[in-house]
Protein backbone atom coordinates (compact mmCIF):
# COMPACT_ATOMS: atom_id res chain seq x y z
CA UNK A 1 0.00 0.00 0.00
CA UNK A 2 1.53 3.31 -1.04
CA UNK A 3 1.36 6.29 1.24
CA UNK A 4 0.14 9.53 -0.19
CA UNK A 5 1.80 12.65 1.05
CA UNK A 6 -0.75 15.33 1.52
CA UNK A 7 1.31 18.31 2.53
CA UNK A 8 -1.41 20.87 2.53
CA UNK A 9 -0.08 24.30 3.25
CA UNK A 10 -2.34 26.31 5.52
CA UNK A 11 -4.28 28.99 3.71
CA UNK A 12 -2.37 32.23 3.75
CA UNK A 13 -3.87 35.66 3.88
CA UNK A 14 -3.14 38.01 1.00
CA UNK A 15 -0.76 39.97 3.23
CA UNK A 16 1.14 36.85 4.31
CA UNK A 17 1.47 35.64 0.73
CA UNK A 18 2.70 39.05 -0.39
CA UNK A 19 5.26 39.13 2.41
CA UNK A 20 6.53 35.66 1.47
CA UNK A 21 6.72 36.75 -2.16
CA UNK A 22 8.81 39.77 -1.18
CA UNK A 23 11.14 37.51 0.81
CA UNK A 24 11.57 35.26 -2.21
CA UNK A 25 12.41 38.20 -4.45
CA UNK A 26 15.00 39.39 -1.93
CA UNK A 27 16.62 35.93 -1.73
CA UNK A 28 16.84 35.68 -5.51
CA UNK A 29 18.20 39.22 -5.88
CA UNK A 30 20.94 38.51 -3.32
CA UNK A 31 22.41 35.98 -5.75
CA UNK A 32 23.49 33.58 -3.01
CA UNK A 33 21.24 30.68 -4.05
CA UNK A 34 22.29 27.75 -6.19
CA UNK A 35 20.54 27.34 -9.51
CA UNK A 36 18.24 24.63 -8.13
CA UNK A 37 17.42 26.69 -5.04
CA UNK A 38 16.74 29.70 -7.21
CA UNK A 39 14.41 27.71 -9.45
CA UNK A 40 12.56 26.29 -6.42
CA UNK A 41 12.13 29.77 -4.96
CA UNK A 42 11.01 31.09 -8.35
CA UNK A 43 8.42 28.32 -8.59
CA UNK A 44 7.11 29.16 -5.11
CA UNK A 45 7.05 32.82 -6.08
CA UNK A 46 4.97 32.10 -9.18
CA UNK A 47 2.44 30.21 -7.06
CA UNK A 48 2.27 33.02 -4.52
CA UNK A 49 1.92 35.65 -7.25
CA UNK A 50 -0.95 33.69 -8.81
CA UNK A 51 -2.60 33.38 -5.38
CA UNK A 52 -2.26 37.15 -4.82
CA UNK A 53 -3.69 37.87 -8.27
CA UNK A 54 -6.71 35.64 -7.54
CA UNK A 55 -7.25 37.34 -4.18
CA UNK A 56 -7.12 40.79 -5.79
CA UNK A 57 -9.52 39.71 -8.54
CA UNK A 58 -11.91 38.37 -5.91
CA UNK A 59 -11.70 41.57 -3.88
CA UNK A 60 -12.35 43.66 -6.99
CA UNK A 61 -15.41 41.54 -7.81
CA UNK A 62 -16.74 41.99 -4.27
CA UNK A 63 -16.29 45.77 -4.46
CA UNK A 64 -18.03 45.91 -7.84
CA UNK A 65 -20.88 43.77 -6.50
CA UNK A 66 -21.29 46.05 -3.49
CA UNK A 67 -21.32 49.11 -5.72
CA UNK A 68 -24.02 47.59 -7.93
CA UNK A 69 -26.10 46.46 -4.95
CA UNK A 70 -26.02 49.93 -3.42
CA UNK A 71 -27.02 51.53 -6.71
CA UNK A 72 -25.27 54.80 -6.16
CA UNK A 73 -25.91 54.98 -2.41
CA UNK A 74 -22.18 55.30 -1.82
CA UNK A 75 -21.91 58.28 -4.15
CA UNK A 76 -24.90 59.91 -2.48
CA UNK A 77 -23.35 59.37 0.95
CA UNK A 78 -20.00 60.77 -0.22
CA UNK A 79 -21.82 63.81 -1.60
CA UNK A 80 -23.65 64.35 1.70
CA UNK A 81 -20.39 64.09 3.64
CA UNK A 82 -18.71 66.53 1.29
CA UNK A 83 -21.63 68.98 1.61
CA UNK A 84 -21.56 68.70 5.41
CA UNK A 85 -17.84 69.41 5.49
CA UNK A 86 -18.19 72.48 3.29
CA UNK A 87 -20.88 73.87 5.62
CA UNK A 88 -18.50 73.72 8.61
PDB file of N, CA and C in Angstrom:
ATOM      1  N   UNK A   1       0.831  -1.179   0.000  1.00  0.00           N
ATOM      2  CA  UNK A   1       0.000   0.000   0.000  1.00  0.00           C
ATOM      3  C   UNK A   1       0.882   1.252   0.000  1.00  0.00           C
ATOM      4  N   UNK A   2       0.701   2.112  -0.963  1.00  0.00           N
ATOM      5  CA  UNK A   2       1.526   3.308  -1.039  1.00  0.00           C
ATOM      6  C   UNK A   2       0.922   4.434  -0.213  1.00  0.00           C
ATOM      7  N   UNK A   3       1.814   5.171   0.425  1.00  0.00           N
ATOM      8  CA  UNK A   3       1.364   6.294   1.240  1.00  0.00           C
ATOM      9  C   UNK A   3       1.331   7.548   0.386  1.00  0.00           C
ATOM     10  N   UNK A   4       0.255   8.267   0.529  1.00  0.00           N
ATOM     11  CA  UNK A   4       0.141   9.529  -0.191  1.00  0.00           C
ATOM     12  C   UNK A   4       0.519  10.656   0.738  1.00  0.00           C
ATOM     13  N   UNK A   5       1.435  11.474   0.275  1.00  0.00           N
ATOM     14  CA  UNK A   5       1.800  12.651   1.049  1.00  0.00           C
ATOM     15  C   UNK A   5       0.834  13.767   0.710  1.00  0.00           C
ATOM     16  N   UNK A   6       0.162  14.212   1.721  1.00  0.00           N
ATOM     17  CA  UNK A   6      -0.748  15.332   1.522  1.00  0.00           C
ATOM     18  C   UNK A   6      -0.249  16.496   2.355  1.00  0.00           C
ATOM     19  N   UNK A   7       0.738  17.155   1.834  1.00  0.00           N
ATOM     20  CA  UNK A   7       1.312  18.306   2.525  1.00  0.00           C
ATOM     21  C   UNK A   7       0.529  19.543   2.141  1.00  0.00           C
ATOM     22  N   UNK A   8      -0.581  19.711   2.813  1.00  0.00           N
ATOM     23  CA  UNK A   8      -1.411  20.873   2.527  1.00  0.00           C
ATOM     24  C   UNK A   8      -0.897  22.061   3.322  1.00  0.00           C
ATOM     25  N   UNK A   9      -0.540  23.087   2.613  1.00  0.00           N
ATOM     26  CA  UNK A   9      -0.076  24.305   3.249  1.00  0.00           C
ATOM     27  C   UNK A   9      -1.293  25.061   3.780  1.00  0.00           C
ATOM     28  N   UNK A  10      -1.197  25.554   5.007  1.00  0.00           N
ATOM     29  CA  UNK A  10      -2.339  26.308   5.522  1.00  0.00           C
ATOM     30  C   UNK A  10      -2.620  27.521   4.649  1.00  0.00           C
ATOM     31  N   UNK A  11      -3.893  27.865   4.549  1.00  0.00           N
ATOM     32  CA  UNK A  11      -4.276  28.991   3.706  1.00  0.00           C
ATOM     33  C   UNK A  11      -3.662  30.276   4.251  1.00  0.00           C
ATOM     34  N   UNK A  12      -2.998  30.970   3.375  1.00  0.00           N
ATOM     35  CA  UNK A  12      -2.372  32.233   3.745  1.00  0.00           C
ATOM     36  C   UNK A  12      -3.327  33.383   3.470  1.00  0.00           C
ATOM     37  N   UNK A  13      -3.154  34.437   4.214  1.00  0.00           N
ATOM     38  CA  UNK A  13      -3.872  35.664   3.881  1.00  0.00           C
ATOM     39  C   UNK A  13      -3.137  36.322   2.719  1.00  0.00           C
ATOM     40  N   UNK A  14      -3.775  37.276   2.093  1.00  0.00           N
ATOM     41  CA  UNK A  14      -3.137  38.013   1.003  1.00  0.00           C
ATOM     42  C   UNK A  14      -1.846  38.655   1.492  1.00  0.00           C
ATOM     43  N   UNK A  15      -1.923  39.268   2.676  1.00  0.00           N
ATOM     44  CA  UNK A  15      -0.761  39.971   3.227  1.00  0.00           C
ATOM     45  C   UNK A  15       0.400  39.021   3.511  1.00  0.00           C
ATOM     46  N   UNK A  16       0.092  37.833   4.043  1.00  0.00           N
ATOM     47  CA  UNK A  16       1.137  36.847   4.313  1.00  0.00           C
ATOM     48  C   UNK A  16       1.780  36.359   3.019  1.00  0.00           C
ATOM     49  N   UNK A  17       0.951  36.101   2.023  1.00  0.00           N
ATOM     50  CA  UNK A  17       1.468  35.643   0.733  1.00  0.00           C
ATOM     51  C   UNK A  17       2.344  36.712   0.096  1.00  0.00           C
ATOM     52  N   UNK A  18       1.914  37.958   0.179  1.00  0.00           N
ATOM     53  CA  UNK A  18       2.695  39.052  -0.394  1.00  0.00           C
ATOM     54  C   UNK A  18       4.035  39.202   0.325  1.00  0.00           C
ATOM     55  N   UNK A  19       4.017  39.045   1.640  1.00  0.00           N
ATOM     56  CA  UNK A  19       5.261  39.126   2.415  1.00  0.00           C
ATOM     57  C   UNK A  19       6.220  38.004   2.022  1.00  0.00           C
ATOM     58  N   UNK A  20       5.694  36.790   1.885  1.00  0.00           N
ATOM     59  CA  UNK A  20       6.533  35.664   1.465  1.00  0.00           C
ATOM     60  C   UNK A  20       7.094  35.891   0.064  1.00  0.00           C
ATOM     61  N   UNK A  21       6.272  36.455  -0.804  1.00  0.00           N
ATOM     62  CA  UNK A  21       6.720  36.750  -2.162  1.00  0.00           C
ATOM     63  C   UNK A  21       7.855  37.768  -2.140  1.00  0.00           C
ATOM     64  N   UNK A  22       7.743  38.776  -1.304  1.00  0.00           N
ATOM     65  CA  UNK A  22       8.805  39.775  -1.183  1.00  0.00           C
ATOM     66  C   UNK A  22      10.095  39.154  -0.651  1.00  0.00           C
ATOM     67  N   UNK A  23       9.958  38.205   0.281  1.00  0.00           N
ATOM     68  CA  UNK A  23      11.136  37.510   0.810  1.00  0.00           C
ATOM     69  C   UNK A  23      11.821  36.698  -0.287  1.00  0.00           C
ATOM     70  N   UNK A  24      11.026  36.052  -1.107  1.00  0.00           N
ATOM     71  CA  UNK A  24      11.573  35.256  -2.210  1.00  0.00           C
ATOM     72  C   UNK A  24      12.332  36.146  -3.185  1.00  0.00           C
ATOM     73  N   UNK A  25      11.748  37.268  -3.524  1.00  0.00           N
ATOM     74  CA  UNK A  25      12.411  38.205  -4.450  1.00  0.00           C
ATOM     75  C   UNK A  25      13.743  38.653  -3.864  1.00  0.00           C
ATOM     76  N   UNK A  26      13.756  38.963  -2.574  1.00  0.00           N
ATOM     77  CA  UNK A  26      15.002  39.393  -1.926  1.00  0.00           C
ATOM     78  C   UNK A  26      16.066  38.299  -1.981  1.00  0.00           C
ATOM     79  N   UNK A  27      15.659  37.059  -1.694  1.00  0.00           N
ATOM     80  CA  UNK A  27      16.616  35.933  -1.734  1.00  0.00           C
ATOM     81  C   UNK A  27      17.216  35.785  -3.125  1.00  0.00           C
ATOM     82  N   UNK A  28      16.361  35.854  -4.138  1.00  0.00           N
ATOM     83  CA  UNK A  28      16.843  35.678  -5.507  1.00  0.00           C
ATOM     84  C   UNK A  28      17.753  36.829  -5.899  1.00  0.00           C
ATOM     85  N   UNK A  29      17.384  38.049  -5.524  1.00  0.00           N
ATOM     86  CA  UNK A  29      18.196  39.218  -5.881  1.00  0.00           C
ATOM     87  C   UNK A  29      19.567  39.200  -5.206  1.00  0.00           C
ATOM     88  N   UNK A  30      19.658  38.582  -4.024  1.00  0.00           N
ATOM     89  CA  UNK A  30      20.939  38.513  -3.324  1.00  0.00           C
ATOM     90  C   UNK A  30      21.975  37.707  -4.108  1.00  0.00           C
ATOM     91  N   UNK A  31      21.508  36.762  -4.920  1.00  0.00           N
ATOM     92  CA  UNK A  31      22.414  35.978  -5.753  1.00  0.00           C
ATOM     93  C   UNK A  31      23.193  34.918  -5.012  1.00  0.00           C
ATOM     94  N   UNK A  32      22.781  34.569  -3.816  1.00  0.00           N
ATOM     95  CA  UNK A  32      23.493  33.579  -3.005  1.00  0.00           C
ATOM     96  C   UNK A  32      22.979  32.164  -3.204  1.00  0.00           C
ATOM     97  N   UNK A  33      21.860  31.992  -3.893  1.00  0.00           N
ATOM     98  CA  UNK A  33      21.243  30.681  -4.053  1.00  0.00           C
ATOM     99  C   UNK A  33      21.871  29.912  -5.207  1.00  0.00           C
ATOM    100  N   UNK A  34      21.864  28.587  -5.066  1.00  0.00           N
ATOM    101  CA  UNK A  34      22.294  27.750  -6.190  1.00  0.00           C
ATOM    102  C   UNK A  34      21.205  27.831  -7.265  1.00  0.00           C
ATOM    103  N   UNK A  35      21.511  27.314  -8.424  1.00  0.00           N
ATOM    104  CA  UNK A  35      20.542  27.341  -9.508  1.00  0.00           C
ATOM    105  C   UNK A  35      19.264  26.602  -9.120  1.00  0.00           C
ATOM    106  N   UNK A  36      19.410  25.414  -8.532  1.00  0.00           N
ATOM    107  CA  UNK A  36      18.239  24.629  -8.131  1.00  0.00           C
ATOM    108  C   UNK A  36      17.424  25.341  -7.051  1.00  0.00           C
ATOM    109  N   UNK A  37      18.121  25.944  -6.092  1.00  0.00           N
ATOM    110  CA  UNK A  37      17.424  26.690  -5.039  1.00  0.00           C
ATOM    111  C   UNK A  37      16.686  27.887  -5.631  1.00  0.00           C
ATOM    112  N   UNK A  38      17.344  28.545  -6.555  1.00  0.00           N
ATOM    113  CA  UNK A  38      16.745  29.695  -7.215  1.00  0.00           C
ATOM    114  C   UNK A  38      15.484  29.297  -7.985  1.00  0.00           C
ATOM    115  N   UNK A  39      15.572  28.188  -8.701  1.00  0.00           N
ATOM    116  CA  UNK A  39      14.412  27.708  -9.453  1.00  0.00           C
ATOM    117  C   UNK A  39      13.268  27.316  -8.522  1.00  0.00           C
ATOM    118  N   UNK A  40      13.588  26.683  -7.399  1.00  0.00           N
ATOM    119  CA  UNK A  40      12.560  26.292  -6.424  1.00  0.00           C
ATOM    120  C   UNK A  40      11.890  27.537  -5.837  1.00  0.00           C
ATOM    121  N   UNK A  41      12.687  28.527  -5.500  1.00  0.00           N
ATOM    122  CA  UNK A  41      12.127  29.775  -4.962  1.00  0.00           C
ATOM    123  C   UNK A  41      11.273  30.480  -6.020  1.00  0.00           C
ATOM    124  N   UNK A  42      11.760  30.471  -7.261  1.00  0.00           N
ATOM    125  CA  UNK A  42      11.013  31.090  -8.352  1.00  0.00           C
ATOM    126  C   UNK A  42       9.660  30.404  -8.520  1.00  0.00           C
ATOM    127  N   UNK A  43       9.664  29.074  -8.466  1.00  0.00           N
ATOM    128  CA  UNK A  43       8.419  28.319  -8.588  1.00  0.00           C
ATOM    129  C   UNK A  43       7.444  28.681  -7.461  1.00  0.00           C
ATOM    130  N   UNK A  44       7.960  28.753  -6.238  1.00  0.00           N
ATOM    131  CA  UNK A  44       7.111  29.161  -5.115  1.00  0.00           C
ATOM    132  C   UNK A  44       6.593  30.580  -5.315  1.00  0.00           C
ATOM    133  N   UNK A  45       7.445  31.430  -5.829  1.00  0.00           N
ATOM    134  CA  UNK A  45       7.046  32.817  -6.081  1.00  0.00           C
ATOM    135  C   UNK A  45       5.935  32.920  -7.112  1.00  0.00           C
ATOM    136  N   UNK A  46       6.014  32.117  -8.149  1.00  0.00           N
ATOM    137  CA  UNK A  46       4.974  32.103  -9.184  1.00  0.00           C
ATOM    138  C   UNK A  46       3.643  31.690  -8.572  1.00  0.00           C
ATOM    139  N   UNK A  47       3.665  30.664  -7.723  1.00  0.00           N
ATOM    140  CA  UNK A  47       2.442  30.207  -7.060  1.00  0.00           C
ATOM    141  C   UNK A  47       1.859  31.292  -6.151  1.00  0.00           C
ATOM    142  N   UNK A  48       2.735  31.953  -5.405  1.00  0.00           N
ATOM    143  CA  UNK A  48       2.275  33.022  -4.515  1.00  0.00           C
ATOM    144  C   UNK A  48       1.727  34.204  -5.307  1.00  0.00           C
ATOM    145  N   UNK A  49       2.389  34.542  -6.414  1.00  0.00           N
ATOM    146  CA  UNK A  49       1.921  35.648  -7.248  1.00  0.00           C
ATOM    147  C   UNK A  49       0.550  35.332  -7.839  1.00  0.00           C
ATOM    148  N   UNK A  50       0.352  34.091  -8.262  1.00  0.00           N
ATOM    149  CA  UNK A  50      -0.945  33.687  -8.806  1.00  0.00           C
ATOM    150  C   UNK A  50      -2.025  33.754  -7.722  1.00  0.00           C
ATOM    151  N   UNK A  51      -1.676  33.309  -6.504  1.00  0.00           N
ATOM    152  CA  UNK A  51      -2.605  33.384  -5.381  1.00  0.00           C
ATOM    153  C   UNK A  51      -2.987  34.837  -5.110  1.00  0.00           C
ATOM    154  N   UNK A  52      -1.997  35.728  -5.074  1.00  0.00           N
ATOM    155  CA  UNK A  52      -2.261  37.151  -4.820  1.00  0.00           C
ATOM    156  C   UNK A  52      -3.148  37.744  -5.923  1.00  0.00           C
ATOM    157  N   UNK A  53      -2.887  37.369  -7.155  1.00  0.00           N
ATOM    158  CA  UNK A  53      -3.694  37.868  -8.273  1.00  0.00           C
ATOM    159  C   UNK A  53      -5.146  37.409  -8.137  1.00  0.00           C
ATOM    160  N   UNK A  54      -5.337  36.149  -7.741  1.00  0.00           N
ATOM    161  CA  UNK A  54      -6.709  35.639  -7.540  1.00  0.00           C
ATOM    162  C   UNK A  54      -7.400  36.377  -6.405  1.00  0.00           C
ATOM    163  N   UNK A  55      -6.679  36.625  -5.328  1.00  0.00           N
ATOM    164  CA  UNK A  55      -7.254  37.339  -4.184  1.00  0.00           C
ATOM    165  C   UNK A  55      -7.650  38.765  -4.578  1.00  0.00           C
ATOM    166  N   UNK A  56      -6.799  39.438  -5.344  1.00  0.00           N
ATOM    167  CA  UNK A  56      -7.116  40.795  -5.794  1.00  0.00           C
ATOM    168  C   UNK A  56      -8.321  40.797  -6.725  1.00  0.00           C
ATOM    169  N   UNK A  57      -8.384  39.815  -7.619  1.00  0.00           N
ATOM    170  CA  UNK A  57      -9.518  39.711  -8.544  1.00  0.00           C
ATOM    171  C   UNK A  57     -10.811  39.488  -7.763  1.00  0.00           C
ATOM    172  N   UNK A  58     -10.742  38.641  -6.742  1.00  0.00           N
ATOM    173  CA  UNK A  58     -11.905  38.368  -5.906  1.00  0.00           C
ATOM    174  C   UNK A  58     -12.338  39.621  -5.147  1.00  0.00           C
ATOM    175  N   UNK A  59     -11.384  40.344  -4.603  1.00  0.00           N
ATOM    176  CA  UNK A  59     -11.697  41.572  -3.877  1.00  0.00           C
ATOM    177  C   UNK A  59     -12.333  42.604  -4.805  1.00  0.00           C
ATOM    178  N   UNK A  60     -11.801  42.717  -6.011  1.00  0.00           N
ATOM    179  CA  UNK A  60     -12.351  43.656  -6.988  1.00  0.00           C
ATOM    180  C   UNK A  60     -13.797  43.286  -7.327  1.00  0.00           C
ATOM    181  N   UNK A  61     -14.045  41.992  -7.495  1.00  0.00           N
ATOM    182  CA  UNK A  61     -15.408  41.536  -7.806  1.00  0.00           C
ATOM    183  C   UNK A  61     -16.362  41.854  -6.660  1.00  0.00           C
ATOM    184  N   UNK A  62     -15.896  41.676  -5.433  1.00  0.00           N
ATOM    185  CA  UNK A  62     -16.737  41.992  -4.267  1.00  0.00           C
ATOM    186  C   UNK A  62     -17.065  43.475  -4.210  1.00  0.00           C
ATOM    187  N   UNK A  63     -16.065  44.320  -4.477  1.00  0.00           N
ATOM    188  CA  UNK A  63     -16.288  45.772  -4.462  1.00  0.00           C
ATOM    189  C   UNK A  63     -17.288  46.155  -5.546  1.00  0.00           C
ATOM    190  N   UNK A  64     -17.108  45.598  -6.745  1.00  0.00           N
ATOM    191  CA  UNK A  64     -18.033  45.905  -7.842  1.00  0.00           C
ATOM    192  C   UNK A  64     -19.448  45.445  -7.513  1.00  0.00           C
ATOM    193  N   UNK A  65     -19.567  44.276  -6.884  1.00  0.00           N
ATOM    194  CA  UNK A  65     -20.884  43.769  -6.497  1.00  0.00           C
ATOM    195  C   UNK A  65     -21.526  44.695  -5.467  1.00  0.00           C
ATOM    196  N   UNK A  66     -20.760  45.134  -4.504  1.00  0.00           N
ATOM    197  CA  UNK A  66     -21.287  46.047  -3.485  1.00  0.00           C
ATOM    198  C   UNK A  66     -21.733  47.366  -4.105  1.00  0.00           C
ATOM    199  N   UNK A  67     -20.959  47.858  -5.059  1.00  0.00           N
ATOM    200  CA  UNK A  67     -21.322  49.105  -5.724  1.00  0.00           C
ATOM    201  C   UNK A  67     -22.625  48.949  -6.489  1.00  0.00           C
ATOM    202  N   UNK A  68     -22.787  47.825  -7.178  1.00  0.00           N
ATOM    203  CA  UNK A  68     -24.017  47.586  -7.935  1.00  0.00           C
ATOM    204  C   UNK A  68     -25.210  47.422  -6.999  1.00  0.00           C
ATOM    205  N   UNK A  69     -25.014  46.691  -5.897  1.00  0.00           N
ATOM    206  CA  UNK A  69     -26.098  46.457  -4.948  1.00  0.00           C
ATOM    207  C   UNK A  69     -26.576  47.756  -4.307  1.00  0.00           C
ATOM    208  N   UNK A  70     -25.664  48.669  -4.082  1.00  0.00           N
ATOM    209  CA  UNK A  70     -26.015  49.925  -3.422  1.00  0.00           C
ATOM    210  C   UNK A  70     -26.524  50.977  -4.393  1.00  0.00           C
ATOM    211  N   UNK A  71     -26.441  50.690  -5.666  1.00  0.00           N
ATOM    212  CA  UNK A  71     -27.019  51.527  -6.711  1.00  0.00           C
ATOM    213  C   UNK A  71     -26.811  53.022  -6.473  1.00  0.00           C
ATOM    214  N   UNK A  72     -25.575  53.390  -6.292  1.00  0.00           N
ATOM    215  CA  UNK A  72     -25.274  54.804  -6.157  1.00  0.00           C
ATOM    216  C   UNK A  72     -25.387  55.337  -4.744  1.00  0.00           C
ATOM    217  N   UNK A  73     -25.766  54.505  -3.794  1.00  0.00           N
ATOM    218  CA  UNK A  73     -25.911  54.976  -2.413  1.00  0.00           C
ATOM    219  C   UNK A  73     -24.584  55.495  -1.870  1.00  0.00           C
ATOM    220  N   UNK A  74     -23.491  54.871  -2.289  1.00  0.00           N
ATOM    221  CA  UNK A  74     -22.177  55.305  -1.822  1.00  0.00           C
ATOM    222  C   UNK A  74     -21.876  56.708  -2.329  1.00  0.00           C
ATOM    223  N   UNK A  75     -22.159  56.957  -3.613  1.00  0.00           N
ATOM    224  CA  UNK A  75     -21.909  58.283  -4.154  1.00  0.00           C
ATOM    225  C   UNK A  75     -22.773  59.328  -3.454  1.00  0.00           C
ATOM    226  N   UNK A  76     -24.013  58.977  -3.165  1.00  0.00           N
ATOM    227  CA  UNK A  76     -24.900  59.907  -2.477  1.00  0.00           C
ATOM    228  C   UNK A  76     -24.366  60.206  -1.085  1.00  0.00           C
ATOM    229  N   UNK A  77     -23.895  59.184  -0.390  1.00  0.00           N
ATOM    230  CA  UNK A  77     -23.345  59.375   0.945  1.00  0.00           C
ATOM    231  C   UNK A  77     -22.093  60.231   0.888  1.00  0.00           C
ATOM    232  N   UNK A  78     -21.219  59.970  -0.075  1.00  0.00           N
ATOM    233  CA  UNK A  78     -20.005  60.772  -0.216  1.00  0.00           C
ATOM    234  C   UNK A  78     -20.363  62.230  -0.492  1.00  0.00           C
ATOM    235  N   UNK A  79     -21.378  62.460  -1.302  1.00  0.00           N
ATOM    236  CA  UNK A  79     -21.820  63.809  -1.604  1.00  0.00           C
ATOM    237  C   UNK A  79     -22.342  64.506  -0.348  1.00  0.00           C
ATOM    238  N   UNK A  80     -23.121  63.780   0.461  1.00  0.00           N
ATOM    239  CA  UNK A  80     -23.646  64.347   1.702  1.00  0.00           C
ATOM    240  C   UNK A  80     -22.514  64.696   2.662  1.00  0.00           C
ATOM    241  N   UNK A  81     -21.533  63.827   2.757  1.00  0.00           N
ATOM    242  CA  UNK A  81     -20.391  64.087   3.643  1.00  0.00           C
ATOM    243  C   UNK A  81     -19.629  65.307   3.160  1.00  0.00           C
ATOM    244  N   UNK A  82     -19.422  65.385   1.858  1.00  0.00           N
ATOM    245  CA  UNK A  82     -18.710  66.527   1.286  1.00  0.00           C
ATOM    246  C   UNK A  82     -19.475  67.821   1.547  1.00  0.00           C
ATOM    247  N   UNK A  83     -20.807  67.787   1.363  1.00  0.00           N
ATOM    248  CA  UNK A  83     -21.630  68.977   1.614  1.00  0.00           C
ATOM    249  C   UNK A  83     -21.567  69.391   3.078  1.00  0.00           C
ATOM    250  N   UNK A  84     -21.607  68.411   3.974  1.00  0.00           N
ATOM    251  CA  UNK A  84     -21.558  68.698   5.411  1.00  0.00           C
ATOM    252  C   UNK A  84     -20.228  69.323   5.789  1.00  0.00           C
ATOM    253  N   UNK A  85     -19.154  68.861   5.190  1.00  0.00           N
ATOM    254  CA  UNK A  85     -17.835  69.412   5.492  1.00  0.00           C
ATOM    255  C   UNK A  85     -17.708  70.842   4.973  1.00  0.00           C
ATOM    256  N   UNK A  86     -18.305  71.141   3.845  1.00  0.00           N
ATOM    257  CA  UNK A  86     -18.186  72.480   3.287  1.00  0.00           C
ATOM    258  C   UNK A  86     -19.031  73.473   4.071  1.00  0.00           C
ATOM    259  N   UNK A  87     -20.044  72.988   4.800  1.00  0.00           N
ATOM    260  CA  UNK A  87     -20.877  73.872   5.619  1.00  0.00           C
ATOM    261  C   UNK A  87     -20.189  74.239   6.926  1.00  0.00           C
ATOM    262  N   UNK A  88     -19.171  73.475   7.332  1.00  0.00           N
ATOM    263  CA  UNK A  88     -18.497  73.720   8.609  1.00  0.00           C
ATOM    264  C   UNK A  88     -17.666  74.959   8.595  1.00  0.00           C
TER     265      UNK A  88
END
